[in-house]
Amino acid sequence: MLIIEVTNAREVMRKRIGPLGERLIGKVMDAESQVEKALIQEMEAAFQEFGIEARIVSVQGPKLEGTDYLQLPLQLREERQVRLNEK
């Protein structure tokens, strides 16, 4: 199992949407969920290319505490089932 924590979602969104859109971060859109959605799309394509079937889940709530602990209150944001296309 992999756990990927995006630690610079706000900075990524600032670069993508520019200074005017920066005001929307946290008010109209959730930077973390937007970056995760784009990352899921890229991972899905890469997994299919490598022949990997997977379940990718975006959740809100878990927090990494140093290197020893993971807190797990969960709110499911998005889930994607990656299946191989039969030819």
Protein backbone atom coordinates (compact mmCIF):
# COMPACT_ATOMS: atom_id res chain seq x y z
CA MET A 1 0.00 0.00 0.00
CA LEU A 2 1.19 3.49 -0.80
CA ILE A 3 0.31 6.67 1.02
CA ILE A 4 1.11 9.90 -0.80
CA GLU A 5 0.72 13.18 1.06
CA VAL A 6 0.80 16.25 -1.17
CA THR A 7 2.55 18.86 0.95
CA ASN A 8 2.57 21.83 -1.43
CA ALA A 9 -0.93 21.83 -2.96
CA ARG A 10 -1.43 25.58 -2.47
CA GLU A 11 1.86 26.41 -4.20
CA VAL A 12 1.02 24.11 -7.12
CA MET A 13 -2.35 25.78 -7.58
CA ARG A 14 -0.79 29.27 -7.34
CA LYS A 15 1.56 28.37 -10.20
CA ARG A 16 -1.28 26.97 -12.30
CA ILE A 17 -3.90 29.67 -11.82
CA GLY A 18 -1.79 32.79 -11.27
CA PRO A 19 -2.06 35.67 -8.82
CA LEU A 20 -5.71 36.55 -9.52
CA GLY A 21 -6.89 32.98 -8.98
CA GLU A 22 -4.82 32.73 -5.82
CA ARG A 23 -7.54 34.62 -3.98
CA LEU A 24 -9.95 31.75 -4.70
CA ILE A 25 -7.79 29.14 -2.98
CA GLY A 26 -9.55 28.10 0.21
CA LYS A 27 -12.68 30.15 -0.58
CA VAL A 28 -14.14 28.75 -3.78
CA MET A 29 -11.85 25.80 -4.41
CA ASP A 30 -9.91 23.33 -2.34
CA ALA A 31 -6.32 23.28 -3.60
CA GLU A 32 -5.58 19.90 -2.05
CA SER A 33 -8.52 18.14 -3.69
CA GLN A 34 -7.79 19.74 -7.08
CA VAL A 35 -4.14 18.64 -7.02
CA GLU A 36 -5.15 15.17 -5.85
CA LYS A 37 -7.68 14.88 -8.68
CA ALA A 38 -5.01 15.76 -11.27
CA LEU A 39 -2.57 13.35 -9.63
CA ILE A 40 -5.15 10.55 -9.69
CA GLN A 41 -5.70 11.08 -13.42
CA GLU A 42 -1.96 10.87 -14.08
CA MET A 43 -1.57 7.81 -11.86
CA GLU A 44 -4.48 6.05 -13.57
CA ALA A 45 -2.90 6.54 -17.00
CA ALA A 46 0.52 5.38 -15.77
CA PHE A 47 -0.93 2.34 -13.99
CA GLN A 48 -2.80 1.26 -17.12
CA GLU A 49 0.37 1.67 -19.19
CA PHE A 50 2.29 -0.57 -16.77
CA GLY A 51 -0.51 -3.13 -16.49
CA ILE A 52 -1.28 -2.31 -12.85
CA GLU A 53 -4.79 -2.68 -11.48
CA ALA A 54 -5.40 -0.55 -8.42
CA ARG A 55 -7.90 1.26 -6.26
CA ILE A 56 -6.97 4.92 -5.81
CA VAL A 57 -8.80 6.73 -3.04
CA SER A 58 -8.63 10.43 -2.17
CA VAL A 59 -9.64 11.09 1.42
CA GLN A 60 -9.70 14.06 3.72
CA GLY A 61 -8.63 13.67 7.30
CA PRO A 62 -5.53 11.47 7.70
CA LYS A 63 -2.52 13.25 9.13
CA LEU A 64 1.06 12.03 9.20
CA GLU A 65 2.67 12.75 12.55
CA GLY A 66 6.42 12.62 12.01
CA THR A 67 7.56 9.19 10.86
CA ASP A 68 5.88 7.17 13.59
CA TYR A 69 2.15 7.87 13.51
CA LEU A 70 -0.75 8.16 11.10
CA GLN A 71 -4.07 9.56 12.37
CA LEU A 72 -7.00 8.14 10.40
CA PRO A 73 -10.25 10.13 10.57
CA LEU A 74 -11.51 9.74 6.98
CA GLN A 75 -13.84 11.57 4.64
CA LEU A 76 -13.87 10.07 1.14
CA ARG A 77 -13.37 12.70 -1.58
CA GLU A 78 -12.88 10.56 -4.66
CA GLU A 79 -12.31 6.95 -5.56
CA ARG A 80 -11.18 5.48 -8.84
CA GLN A 81 -10.92 1.81 -9.78
CA VAL A 82 -8.15 1.27 -12.33
CA ARG A 83 -8.81 -1.74 -14.57
CA LEU A 84 -6.84 -2.95 -17.52
CA ASN A 85 -8.53 -2.54 -20.88
CA GLU A 86 -8.93 -5.91 -22.56
CA LYS A 87 -7.95 -5.78 -26.20
